[in-house]
Protein backbone atom coordinates (compact mmCIF):
# COMPACT_ATOMS: atom_id res chain seq x y z
CA MET A 1 47.91 -149.83 -125.45
CA LEU A 2 44.24 -148.55 -125.76
CA ALA A 3 42.92 -145.56 -123.27
CA ILE A 4 40.88 -146.74 -120.72
CA THR A 5 37.73 -144.41 -121.06
CA PRO A 6 36.81 -143.61 -117.09
CA PRO A 7 32.82 -143.76 -116.79
CA ARG A 8 30.93 -140.12 -117.20
CA ILE A 9 29.38 -139.42 -113.97
CA PRO A 10 26.53 -137.32 -114.89
CA LEU A 11 26.30 -133.65 -113.07
CA LEU A 12 23.94 -134.24 -110.36
CA ALA A 13 26.07 -137.29 -108.74
CA ARG A 14 28.22 -134.96 -108.10
CA ARG A 15 28.19 -133.07 -104.59
CA PRO A 16 25.66 -129.72 -106.21
CA GLY A 17 27.93 -126.63 -105.37
CA THR A 18 26.99 -123.30 -105.43
CA ALA A 19 26.78 -122.63 -108.86
CA LEU A 20 23.92 -125.00 -109.17
CA VAL A 21 21.93 -123.52 -106.35
CA VAL A 22 22.58 -120.13 -107.82
CA ILE A 23 21.18 -121.22 -111.52
CA CYS A 24 17.98 -122.74 -109.84
CA LEU A 25 17.86 -118.95 -108.23
CA LEU A 26 18.33 -116.96 -111.21
CA PHE A 27 15.76 -119.24 -113.06
CA MET A 28 13.24 -118.45 -110.55
CA ILE A 29 13.78 -114.40 -110.34
CA THR A 30 14.21 -113.96 -114.05
CA LEU A 31 10.49 -116.66 -114.76
CA TRP A 32 8.63 -115.01 -111.89
CA THR A 33 9.63 -111.42 -112.31
CA VAL A 34 9.54 -111.10 -116.55
CA LEU A 35 5.56 -113.20 -116.94
CA CYS A 36 4.62 -110.64 -113.78
CA ALA A 37 6.75 -107.36 -115.91
CA ILE A 38 4.55 -108.38 -118.77
CA SER A 39 0.97 -109.86 -117.56
CA HIS A 40 0.78 -106.77 -114.69
CA THR A 41 -0.06 -103.28 -115.46
CA ALA A 42 0.71 -102.30 -112.24
CA PRO A 43 1.95 -103.63 -109.37
CA ASP A 44 -0.04 -104.77 -106.28
CA LEU A 45 -0.93 -102.79 -103.33
CA ASP A 46 2.37 -103.59 -100.57
CA GLY A 47 4.52 -103.27 -103.65
CA MET A 48 2.83 -99.66 -104.97
CA GLU A 49 3.34 -98.66 -100.76
CA GLU A 50 7.38 -99.58 -100.88
CA LEU A 51 7.79 -97.60 -103.97
CA VAL A 52 6.24 -94.81 -102.85
CA TRP A 53 7.66 -94.98 -98.93
CA ALA A 54 11.30 -95.35 -101.04
CA ALA A 55 11.25 -91.60 -101.50
CA SER A 56 13.29 -91.16 -98.30
CA LEU A 57 15.19 -92.63 -95.97
CA GLU A 58 13.76 -92.71 -92.67
CA LEU A 59 14.32 -95.09 -89.43
CA GLY A 60 11.04 -94.92 -89.17
CA TYR A 61 7.59 -94.99 -91.06
CA THR A 62 3.84 -94.58 -88.86
CA LYS A 63 2.87 -98.36 -89.84
CA HIS A 64 6.45 -100.50 -90.21
CA PRO A 65 9.61 -100.53 -89.35
CA PRO A 66 12.35 -99.23 -92.06
CA LEU A 67 14.46 -101.65 -93.81
CA PRO A 68 12.17 -102.59 -97.08
CA SER A 69 11.62 -99.33 -97.97
CA TRP A 70 15.48 -98.62 -97.15
CA PHE A 71 16.28 -101.58 -99.73
CA MET A 72 13.30 -100.03 -102.15
CA HIS A 73 15.02 -96.54 -102.27
CA PHE A 74 18.53 -97.73 -103.30
CA ALA A 75 16.45 -100.07 -106.04
CA THR A 76 14.77 -96.61 -107.19
CA GLU A 77 18.28 -94.99 -107.20
CA LEU A 78 19.79 -97.77 -109.39
CA LEU A 79 16.96 -98.94 -111.63
CA GLY A 80 14.11 -95.77 -111.43
CA ARG A 81 10.39 -96.58 -110.25
CA PRO A 82 9.19 -99.04 -113.37
CA ALA A 83 5.94 -100.78 -112.70
CA TRP A 84 8.06 -103.90 -112.40
CA LEU A 85 10.20 -103.72 -109.67
CA PRO A 86 8.69 -104.95 -107.04
CA PHE A 87 8.18 -108.06 -108.45
CA LEU A 88 11.81 -108.28 -108.97
CA MET A 89 12.47 -106.94 -104.98
CA GLY A 90 9.91 -109.84 -103.93
CA GLN A 91 11.81 -112.42 -105.72
CA LEU A 92 15.07 -110.87 -104.82
CA PHE A 93 14.43 -111.42 -101.46
CA SER A 94 12.58 -115.06 -101.79
CA ALA A 95 15.66 -115.94 -103.35
CA LEU A 96 17.57 -114.62 -100.73
CA GLY A 97 15.89 -117.00 -97.83
CA LEU A 98 15.92 -119.72 -99.72
CA TRP A 99 20.15 -119.19 -100.21
CA PHE A 100 20.22 -118.87 -96.18
CA ILE A 101 17.91 -122.37 -96.16
CA TRP A 102 20.45 -124.11 -98.22
CA LYS A 103 23.24 -122.48 -95.99
CA LEU A 104 21.48 -125.14 -93.01
CA GLY A 105 20.84 -127.70 -95.30
CA CYS A 106 24.26 -127.82 -95.91
CA GLU A 107 25.29 -127.92 -92.39
CA ILE A 108 22.72 -130.94 -90.99
CA THR A 109 22.73 -132.92 -94.00
CA THR A 110 24.51 -133.82 -97.55
CA ARG A 111 24.06 -131.26 -100.38
CA HIS A 112 22.17 -133.34 -102.68
CA ARG A 113 18.89 -133.40 -99.78
CA ALA A 114 20.00 -129.78 -98.78
CA LEU A 115 19.62 -128.85 -102.23
CA ILE A 116 16.67 -131.47 -102.74
CA ALA A 117 14.78 -129.13 -99.41
CA VAL A 118 15.07 -125.88 -100.78
CA LEU A 119 13.65 -126.95 -103.93
CA LEU A 120 10.81 -127.93 -102.11
CA VAL A 121 10.23 -125.11 -100.07
CA SER A 122 10.63 -123.04 -103.40
CA VAL A 123 7.51 -123.72 -105.26
CA THR A 124 5.14 -122.88 -101.45
CA ALA A 125 3.33 -119.84 -102.23
CA TYR A 126 5.47 -117.87 -99.99
CA PHE A 127 8.37 -117.69 -102.03
CA SER A 128 6.54 -118.83 -105.62
CA LEU A 129 3.58 -116.92 -106.22
CA ARG A 130 3.75 -114.46 -102.87
CA GLY A 131 7.35 -114.23 -103.50
CA THR A 132 6.37 -111.36 -106.32
CA ILE A 133 4.47 -109.38 -104.05
CA TYR A 134 7.69 -107.25 -101.83
CA ASN A 135 6.01 -106.54 -98.39
CA HIS A 136 7.68 -106.65 -94.93
CA ASN A 137 6.83 -110.02 -94.93
CA THR A 138 8.58 -110.74 -98.16
CA ALA A 139 11.48 -109.48 -96.84
CA GLN A 140 11.73 -110.57 -94.06
CA LEU A 141 12.42 -114.58 -95.65
CA TRP A 142 16.20 -113.42 -95.72
CA SER A 143 16.82 -112.21 -91.85
CA ILE A 144 14.30 -114.92 -90.60
CA THR A 145 16.23 -117.54 -92.31
CA ALA A 146 19.82 -116.02 -92.03
CA SER A 147 18.90 -115.66 -88.44
CA ILE A 148 17.82 -119.51 -88.36
CA TRP A 149 21.30 -120.90 -89.71
CA LEU A 150 23.91 -118.59 -87.56
CA PHE A 151 21.37 -119.68 -84.28
CA TYR A 152 22.15 -123.17 -85.07
CA ARG A 153 26.40 -122.58 -86.27
CA ALA A 154 26.70 -120.37 -83.04
CA LEU A 155 25.03 -123.14 -80.49
CA ARG A 156 27.25 -126.02 -82.05
CA ASP A 157 30.20 -124.08 -82.60
CA ASP A 158 29.87 -121.26 -79.73
CA ARG A 159 31.90 -118.78 -81.92
CA THR A 160 31.32 -115.76 -80.67
CA ARG A 161 31.33 -114.34 -84.32
CA ASP A 162 27.78 -116.46 -84.87
CA TRP A 163 26.61 -115.02 -81.67
CA ILE A 164 27.65 -111.13 -82.67
CA LEU A 165 26.22 -112.20 -86.22
CA LEU A 166 23.10 -113.64 -85.02
CA GLY A 167 22.26 -110.50 -82.80
CA ALA A 168 22.78 -108.09 -85.90
CA VAL A 169 20.39 -110.23 -88.59
CA CYS A 170 17.90 -110.60 -85.66
CA GLY A 171 18.60 -106.84 -85.27
CA LEU A 172 17.34 -106.37 -89.12
CA ALA A 173 14.77 -108.85 -88.42
CA MET A 174 13.52 -106.57 -86.21
CA LEU A 175 13.93 -103.95 -88.43
CA THR A 176 11.65 -105.29 -91.10
CA LYS A 177 9.21 -106.20 -89.22
CA TYR A 178 8.19 -106.89 -85.33
CA SER A 179 6.60 -110.31 -86.13
CA ALA A 180 10.30 -111.50 -86.26
CA LEU A 181 9.93 -111.68 -82.58
CA ILE A 182 7.70 -115.11 -83.12
CA GLN A 183 10.66 -116.64 -84.79
CA PHE A 184 12.40 -115.60 -81.22
CA THR A 185 10.14 -116.83 -78.89
CA ALA A 186 10.78 -120.52 -81.17
CA PHE A 187 14.45 -120.31 -80.21
CA PHE A 188 13.75 -119.44 -76.82
CA LEU A 189 11.44 -122.83 -76.58
CA TYR A 190 14.29 -124.74 -77.97
CA LEU A 191 16.94 -123.43 -75.80
CA LEU A 192 15.03 -123.91 -72.93
CA ARG A 193 13.81 -127.90 -74.43
CA THR A 194 17.21 -128.31 -74.91
CA GLY A 195 18.46 -127.23 -71.63
CA LYS A 196 20.78 -125.13 -73.52
CA LEU A 197 19.68 -122.27 -70.92
CA ARG A 198 21.60 -124.35 -67.57
CA GLU A 199 24.87 -123.65 -69.85
CA ARG A 200 27.24 -120.73 -69.04
CA ARG A 201 28.81 -120.66 -72.94
CA CYS A 202 25.47 -120.12 -73.87
CA TRP A 203 24.52 -116.79 -71.58
CA ARG A 204 27.74 -115.53 -72.73
CA GLY A 205 26.59 -116.37 -76.43
CA ILE A 206 23.35 -114.89 -75.41
CA ALA A 207 24.98 -111.77 -74.22
CA TRP A 208 26.98 -111.50 -77.39
CA ALA A 209 23.93 -111.41 -79.64
CA THR A 210 22.07 -109.24 -77.13
CA ALA A 211 24.36 -106.38 -77.21
CA THR A 212 24.30 -106.36 -81.25
CA PHE A 213 20.83 -106.61 -81.24
CA CYS A 214 20.30 -103.37 -78.82
CA LEU A 215 23.23 -101.93 -81.16
CA VAL A 216 20.94 -102.30 -84.59
CA LEU A 217 18.07 -101.12 -82.87
CA VAL A 218 18.52 -98.24 -81.04
CA PRO A 219 18.58 -95.45 -83.65
CA HIS A 220 15.21 -96.61 -84.60
CA VAL A 221 14.06 -97.31 -81.19
CA ALA A 222 15.03 -93.86 -80.59
CA TRP A 223 12.50 -92.35 -83.55
CA LEU A 224 9.80 -94.67 -82.34
CA SER A 225 9.86 -92.51 -78.85
CA HIS A 226 9.96 -89.57 -80.91
CA HIS A 227 6.78 -90.58 -83.18
CA HIS A 228 5.32 -91.37 -79.73
CA PHE A 229 5.09 -95.51 -80.79
CA GLU A 230 2.65 -95.08 -84.22
CA PRO A 231 3.77 -98.38 -85.91
CA LEU A 232 2.74 -100.58 -82.43
CA PHE A 233 -0.22 -98.91 -82.32
CA TYR A 234 -0.68 -99.74 -86.11
CA ALA A 235 -0.06 -103.33 -85.35
CA ASP A 236 -2.05 -103.79 -82.28
CA GLU A 237 -5.07 -102.30 -84.17
CA SER A 238 -4.12 -105.17 -87.22
CA LEU A 239 -4.76 -107.68 -84.27
CA GLN A 240 -8.13 -107.06 -83.37
CA ALA A 241 -11.23 -109.29 -84.51
CA GLY A 242 -13.54 -108.24 -83.00
CA GLY A 243 -15.34 -110.43 -81.04
CA ARG A 244 -14.37 -114.08 -80.09
CA LEU A 245 -16.26 -116.00 -83.17
CA ALA A 246 -14.64 -113.66 -85.19
CA ALA A 247 -11.42 -114.30 -84.27
CA LEU A 248 -12.22 -118.09 -84.46
CA GLY A 249 -12.93 -117.81 -87.81
CA ASP A 250 -9.90 -116.06 -88.91
CA LEU A 251 -8.28 -119.30 -87.47
CA LEU A 252 -10.70 -121.06 -89.47
CA SER A 253 -9.55 -119.12 -92.58
CA PHE A 254 -6.39 -119.15 -91.74
CA ALA A 255 -4.99 -122.69 -91.61
CA LEU A 256 -7.07 -123.09 -94.56
CA ASP A 257 -5.13 -120.64 -96.32
CA GLN A 258 -1.36 -122.25 -94.84
CA ALA A 259 -3.01 -125.43 -96.37
CA GLY A 260 -3.85 -123.99 -99.81
CA ARG A 261 -0.10 -122.41 -99.67
CA LEU A 262 1.89 -125.87 -99.01
CA SER A 263 0.28 -127.24 -101.39
CA PRO A 264 2.07 -126.83 -104.16
CA MET A 265 4.68 -128.70 -102.04
CA LEU A 266 2.55 -131.75 -100.81
CA ILE A 267 1.73 -131.67 -105.42
CA ALA A 268 5.69 -132.05 -105.59
CA LEU A 269 6.14 -134.85 -103.18
CA ALA A 270 3.25 -136.78 -104.95
CA ALA A 271 4.40 -136.42 -108.33
CA TRP A 272 7.99 -137.59 -106.62
CA THR A 273 5.52 -140.74 -104.82
CA PHE A 274 4.67 -141.65 -108.46
CA TRP A 275 7.73 -141.40 -109.76
CA TYR A 276 9.48 -143.56 -107.69
CA ARG A 277 7.06 -146.41 -107.37
CA ARG A 278 7.39 -146.66 -111.03
CA SER A 279 11.27 -146.96 -111.59
CA GLY A 280 12.77 -146.83 -108.08
CA ASN A 281 16.40 -145.11 -108.49
CA ARG A 282 16.74 -146.32 -111.85
CA ALA A 283 17.36 -142.80 -114.25
CA PRO A 284 19.07 -142.19 -117.72
CA GLY A 285 22.87 -142.27 -117.27
CA TYR A 286 22.37 -143.18 -113.82
CA ALA A 287 23.96 -147.03 -113.26
CA ALA A 288 22.45 -148.53 -109.89
CA ASN A 289 25.28 -151.05 -109.43
CA ASP A 290 27.98 -148.53 -109.69
CA GLU A 291 29.72 -147.27 -106.58
CA HIS A 292 29.53 -143.78 -108.37
CA PHE A 293 26.19 -143.83 -107.20
CA GLN A 294 25.21 -145.50 -103.99
CA ALA A 295 24.60 -142.19 -102.45
CA SER A 296 22.56 -143.78 -99.93
CA ALA A 297 20.80 -146.68 -98.70
CA LEU A 298 17.99 -147.87 -100.93
CA GLY A 299 15.09 -148.45 -98.40
CA ALA A 300 16.08 -146.04 -95.76
CA ARG A 301 14.58 -142.39 -95.81
CA TYR A 302 16.19 -139.53 -95.70
CA PHE A 303 15.22 -138.29 -91.93
CA GLN A 304 16.73 -141.48 -90.60
CA ASP A 305 20.44 -140.05 -91.19
CA PHE A 306 19.12 -137.04 -89.17
CA SER A 307 20.65 -137.15 -85.54
CA ALA A 308 18.13 -136.55 -83.15
CA ALA A 309 19.35 -133.45 -81.83
CA ASP A 310 19.23 -131.86 -85.54
CA ARG A 311 14.96 -133.76 -86.12
CA GLN A 312 14.65 -131.92 -82.35
CA PHE A 313 16.03 -128.79 -83.85
CA LEU A 314 14.33 -128.56 -87.33
CA LEU A 315 10.36 -129.18 -85.13
CA TRP A 316 11.25 -127.09 -82.60
CA VAL A 317 12.45 -124.28 -84.33
CA GLY A 318 10.06 -124.34 -87.19
CA LEU A 319 7.05 -125.51 -86.10
CA ALA A 320 7.11 -123.37 -83.15
CA PRO A 321 6.13 -120.24 -84.83
CA PHE A 322 2.60 -121.36 -86.61
CA LEU A 323 1.63 -123.54 -83.56
CA GLY A 324 2.21 -121.08 -80.83
CA THR A 325 0.95 -118.04 -83.18
CA VAL A 326 -2.62 -120.09 -83.20
CA LEU A 327 -2.27 -121.12 -79.60
CA VAL A 328 -1.34 -117.07 -78.34
CA SER A 329 -4.92 -116.76 -80.98
CA VAL A 330 -7.00 -118.89 -79.51
CA ILE A 331 -5.97 -117.81 -76.24
CA LEU A 332 -6.79 -113.62 -76.11
CA GLY A 333 -8.71 -113.89 -79.08
CA THR A 334 -6.88 -111.86 -81.97
CA ARG A 335 -7.14 -111.86 -85.51
CA LEU A 336 -5.10 -113.97 -87.82
CA GLU A 337 -4.69 -113.10 -91.75
CA ALA A 338 -2.93 -115.75 -93.67
CA SER A 339 0.05 -113.25 -95.22
CA TRP A 340 1.27 -113.08 -91.32
CA ALA A 341 2.23 -116.69 -91.82
CA SER A 342 5.24 -116.12 -94.26
CA THR A 343 8.47 -116.74 -92.17
CA PHE A 344 6.16 -119.30 -90.23
CA PHE A 345 7.34 -122.37 -92.80
CA VAL A 346 10.60 -121.47 -93.88
CA LEU A 347 11.61 -124.92 -93.07
CA ALA A 348 8.96 -127.07 -94.56
CA GLY A 349 11.33 -128.72 -97.28
CA PHE A 350 13.26 -130.70 -94.39
CA TYR A 351 10.09 -132.09 -92.96
CA GLY A 352 9.66 -133.54 -97.02
CA LEU A 353 12.90 -135.39 -96.81
CA TRP A 354 11.66 -137.05 -93.78
CA TRP A 355 9.29 -138.43 -97.15
CA LEU A 356 11.88 -139.27 -98.93
CA ARG A 357 14.62 -141.82 -100.03
CA GLY A 358 17.00 -143.79 -102.47
CA GLN A 359 19.67 -142.79 -103.99
CA ASP A 360 20.39 -138.55 -103.45
CA ALA A 361 21.93 -137.88 -107.01
CA VAL A 362 18.64 -139.54 -108.82
CA GLN A 363 16.25 -138.40 -106.60
CA LEU A 364 17.34 -134.50 -107.06
CA ARG A 365 17.36 -134.93 -110.29
CA ARG A 366 14.10 -135.89 -110.09
CA MET A 367 13.15 -133.28 -107.58
CA LEU A 368 15.03 -130.86 -109.97
CA ILE A 369 12.69 -131.17 -113.14
CA ILE A 370 9.14 -131.54 -110.63
CA THR A 371 9.98 -128.24 -109.53
CA LEU A 372 10.63 -126.63 -112.98
CA CYS A 373 7.50 -127.38 -113.87
CA LEU A 374 5.67 -126.63 -110.92
CA GLN A 375 7.44 -123.21 -111.15
CA THR A 376 7.03 -122.58 -114.68
CA ALA A 377 3.38 -123.51 -114.06
CA MET A 378 2.29 -121.62 -111.66
CA ALA A 379 3.97 -118.36 -112.80
CA ALA A 380 2.38 -119.16 -116.35
CA GLY A 381 -1.31 -119.86 -114.79
CA TYR A 382 -0.48 -116.34 -112.01
CA ALA A 383 0.29 -114.45 -115.51
CA ILE A 384 -2.28 -115.57 -117.15
CA ALA A 385 -4.89 -115.01 -114.78
CA ARG A 386 -4.09 -111.58 -113.74
CA GLY A 387 -3.88 -110.34 -116.73
CA PRO A 388 -5.16 -111.53 -120.28
CA LEU A 389 -7.57 -113.49 -118.40
CA ALA A 390 -8.78 -110.83 -115.96
CA ASP A 391 -9.08 -107.96 -119.13
CA LEU A 392 -11.29 -111.07 -120.90
CA THR A 393 -13.93 -111.56 -117.83
CA GLY A 394 -13.49 -107.99 -116.79
CA HIS A 395 -12.48 -108.13 -113.87
CA ALA A 396 -11.37 -105.29 -112.24
CA SER A 397 -7.65 -106.42 -110.26
CA ARG A 398 -4.81 -104.14 -109.23
CA SER A 399 -2.89 -106.34 -111.79
CA ASN A 400 -5.03 -104.67 -114.75
CA TYR A 401 -5.24 -101.24 -113.15
CA PRO A 402 -5.14 -98.33 -115.73
CA ALA A 403 -2.42 -96.49 -114.47
CA GLN A 404 -1.18 -94.89 -117.64
CA ALA A 405 -3.92 -93.90 -118.26
CA LEU A 406 -5.04 -91.86 -115.24
CA ALA A 407 -1.09 -90.67 -115.06
CA ALA A 408 -1.90 -89.37 -118.57
CA LYS A 409 -4.89 -87.48 -117.95
CA ALA A 410 -3.50 -86.16 -114.74
CA GLN A 411 -0.37 -85.18 -116.36
CA ALA A 412 -2.49 -83.04 -119.35
CA HIS A 413 -5.19 -81.45 -116.43
CA TRP A 414 -1.48 -80.07 -114.57
CA SER A 415 0.13 -78.99 -118.18
CA ALA A 416 -2.93 -77.23 -118.93
CA TYR A 417 -2.62 -75.01 -116.29
CA GLN A 418 1.17 -75.00 -114.49
CA PRO A 419 2.66 -75.07 -118.49
CA GLY A 420 6.27 -75.53 -118.15
CA ARG A 421 5.93 -76.62 -114.33
CA PRO A 422 6.97 -80.18 -113.43
CA LEU A 423 4.58 -81.84 -111.45
CA ARG A 424 6.05 -82.90 -108.17
CA VAL A 425 3.63 -83.75 -105.91
CA VAL A 426 0.41 -86.01 -106.05
CA VAL A 427 -2.40 -85.47 -102.96
CA ALA A 428 -4.08 -88.51 -102.66
CA ASN A 429 -4.13 -91.91 -101.66
CA THR A 430 -0.81 -94.00 -101.80
CA TRP A 431 -2.52 -96.51 -104.26
CA LEU A 432 -4.00 -94.07 -106.98
CA GLY A 433 -1.09 -91.54 -105.94
CA GLY A 434 1.48 -94.38 -106.31
CA ASN A 435 0.14 -95.08 -109.34
CA ILE A 436 0.37 -91.28 -111.02
CA ALA A 437 3.61 -90.90 -109.56
CA ILE A 438 5.70 -93.42 -110.83
CA HIS A 439 4.10 -92.84 -114.31
CA ALA A 440 4.82 -89.08 -114.05
CA GLY A 441 8.48 -88.47 -113.58
CA PRO A 442 11.46 -89.43 -110.92
CA ALA A 443 10.77 -86.21 -109.30
CA THR A 444 6.79 -86.60 -108.73
CA GLN A 445 6.61 -87.52 -104.67
CA VAL A 446 3.43 -88.81 -103.08
CA TYR A 447 1.37 -86.48 -100.15
CA ILE A 448 -0.26 -89.80 -98.69
CA ASP A 449 -3.76 -88.15 -98.09
CA ALA A 450 -2.19 -84.83 -97.57
CA SER A 451 -0.95 -85.72 -94.32
CA ASP A 452 2.76 -84.65 -93.19
CA ALA A 453 3.30 -87.51 -90.48
CA GLU A 454 2.41 -90.05 -93.57
CA SER A 455 4.83 -88.35 -95.69
CA PRO A 456 7.94 -87.55 -93.87
CA TRP A 457 9.92 -86.64 -97.69
CA PHE A 458 8.27 -83.41 -96.86
CA ALA A 459 9.09 -80.78 -94.64
CA PRO A 460 6.00 -79.89 -92.73
CA GLY A 461 3.82 -77.75 -93.98
CA THR A 462 5.92 -77.42 -97.46
CA ALA A 463 4.81 -80.38 -100.00
CA LEU A 464 2.31 -78.08 -101.13
CA ARG A 465 4.49 -75.02 -102.21
CA CYS A 466 5.22 -75.19 -105.62
CA GLY A 467 1.47 -76.44 -106.08
CA ALA A 468 0.11 -80.11 -106.04
CA LEU A 469 -2.47 -82.16 -108.33
CA ILE A 470 -4.54 -83.62 -106.43
CA ALA A 471 -6.61 -86.84 -107.07
CA PHE A 472 -9.25 -89.62 -105.98
CA SER A 473 -11.81 -91.60 -106.72
CA ASP A 474 -14.87 -93.23 -105.19
CA VAL A 475 -13.72 -96.91 -107.14
CA GLY A 476 -10.71 -98.09 -105.79
CA ARG A 477 -9.51 -97.94 -102.21
CA GLY A 478 -11.19 -96.35 -99.98
CA PRO A 479 -12.47 -92.97 -100.17
CA ALA A 480 -10.47 -89.29 -99.80
CA THR A 481 -9.95 -88.39 -96.14
CA PRO A 482 -11.59 -85.20 -95.30
CA ALA A 483 -8.06 -83.43 -95.66
CA VAL A 484 -7.74 -84.63 -99.15
CA HIS A 485 -11.24 -83.30 -99.24
CA ALA A 486 -10.99 -79.94 -98.12
CA LEU A 487 -7.76 -79.37 -100.78
CA TYR A 488 -10.04 -80.58 -103.30
CA ASP A 489 -12.95 -77.98 -102.67
CA ALA A 490 -10.99 -75.20 -102.05
CA ALA A 491 -9.15 -75.40 -106.22
CA SER A 492 -9.72 -72.90 -108.66
CA TRP A 493 -9.17 -75.46 -111.47
CA LYS A 494 -11.00 -79.18 -110.63
CA GLY A 495 -13.02 -81.62 -112.86
CA VAL A 496 -13.51 -84.97 -113.14
CA ASP A 497 -12.56 -87.48 -116.15
CA PHE A 498 -13.47 -91.29 -116.42
CA VAL A 499 -11.18 -94.37 -117.53
CA ARG A 500 -12.52 -97.53 -117.72
CA TRP A 501 -10.62 -99.95 -115.72
CA GLY A 502 -9.41 -103.05 -118.18
CA PRO A 503 -11.23 -103.47 -121.72
CA LYS A 504 -14.54 -104.80 -119.86
CA GLY A 505 -13.92 -103.33 -116.01
CA PRO A 506 -15.81 -100.47 -114.54
CA MET A 507 -15.43 -96.80 -115.27
CA ILE A 508 -12.97 -95.21 -112.60
CA ASP A 509 -13.82 -91.77 -112.17
CA LEU A 510 -11.05 -89.56 -111.89
CA HIS A 511 -11.40 -86.74 -109.23
CA TRP A 512 -8.64 -83.93 -110.14
CA ALA A 513 -7.53 -80.14 -108.89
CA VAL A 514 -4.33 -78.19 -109.56
CA ILE A 515 -3.23 -76.44 -106.30
CA PRO A 516 -0.94 -73.23 -107.97
CA ALA A 517 2.63 -72.70 -107.26
CA GLY A 518 2.54 -69.92 -104.10
CA PRO A 519 4.88 -67.46 -104.36
CA ASP A 520 8.12 -69.00 -102.03
CA CYS A 521 8.06 -72.14 -104.51
CA LEU A 522 11.86 -71.30 -105.30
CA GLN A 523 12.44 -72.18 -102.08
CA PRO A 524 13.50 -75.83 -101.62
CA SER A 525 9.97 -77.95 -100.36
CA ARG A 526 11.88 -81.14 -100.14
CA ARG A 527 13.74 -82.12 -96.96
């Protein structure tokens, strides 16, 4: 008898597993990191700030809570301080955020549709282009998406473990950026809307989560008290708009920016619509009348398969952060910055599912192709614009900043006046000092604006013990502080060099000075 060969089932007709999701995320990480590493000569400002702050593990910093800087510290211990490290870190946390969106999707819909939601949201600017910027907004993506997933599970299953994990992750979100309170407010509004707060078991779970949350935050709260709540004052200053009219202008700009940053997902949906209208559910290797591929009713849109409770969850938990922030800004007249909405649209991929229909496997195949092309086009376009195109047009941006040339000049002057002594301290602002430090050596740290408060990796009064290089420029980010100018004026060895910013860019005036090592240099100057 002839053996009957069973029909071949295409890979995507099977339920997507962890391996496929991990491959997609690794592709995204590799694509953006490699292209940014090739095209950029320096990281963005926020990425450089994290590289500088990673000098030590503190319970807080003058501007922000500490968790992103801790992660960067461990990364630098492992990989050093290459200029591309912030790009890698940003994409790692973007991918981790997408992973928890996948976990949530698997709870509320099929695995095919969960992966489609992940692919859709992955092309929004916050997970792709802005995902290359390692700052507190990007670093918070994972903890916000993880907290949403755990909140869903805790309410559904009422397991103590999920409530405890929810409290711990929410605590980590607060240790990343205080704006996590916006998402927690969305949780509260959802509980209020659904009447969950009338249930005794819900309050028991909230008590477990709150206890864990407070336990995670206790060390940082103690640090805040000891340091006069400096990050909270910084946050308050950031919200000042300078008047009601200015606040309304910021709000309009904020809304338009969000539309632009979500537009790649809309492009993906438009491409899918065109494809679906042309081909329906036909795809190579997928037989529309084969039982293996009857994953959904042909005419039903995916949102119709969500339960009413899940639709309500996605709407309240997903939209309340953006709508609530806009409402508060209108009422109080506070300033809004586009990047503050980094975590406001993490559930946007599920809203895209409300437009899609057809066989799951066929639509997943199409969305994989569409998002792969979009990710590649955006990454390549960003790399070209920030690298070769910026050089060609003479545009001076942080991406083509002559960091190595400036560091070489600074190192040469230091070696000329302090021969045989390694450069350990650069007195400068975060941007210029960081660009010199990461090229000067792994032990070189920045004494930010000659301020002990902003440079806690030095014991107070010891930063200059073994000498330092002072650097500032009138071209770039902000003038030097009076403290830096005072050190520069008092130095015996100083001068000015000029380095061109890109092949056709402006000249950077590098003011440098050398402070010699003191007599007690043999004593350790770092904490």
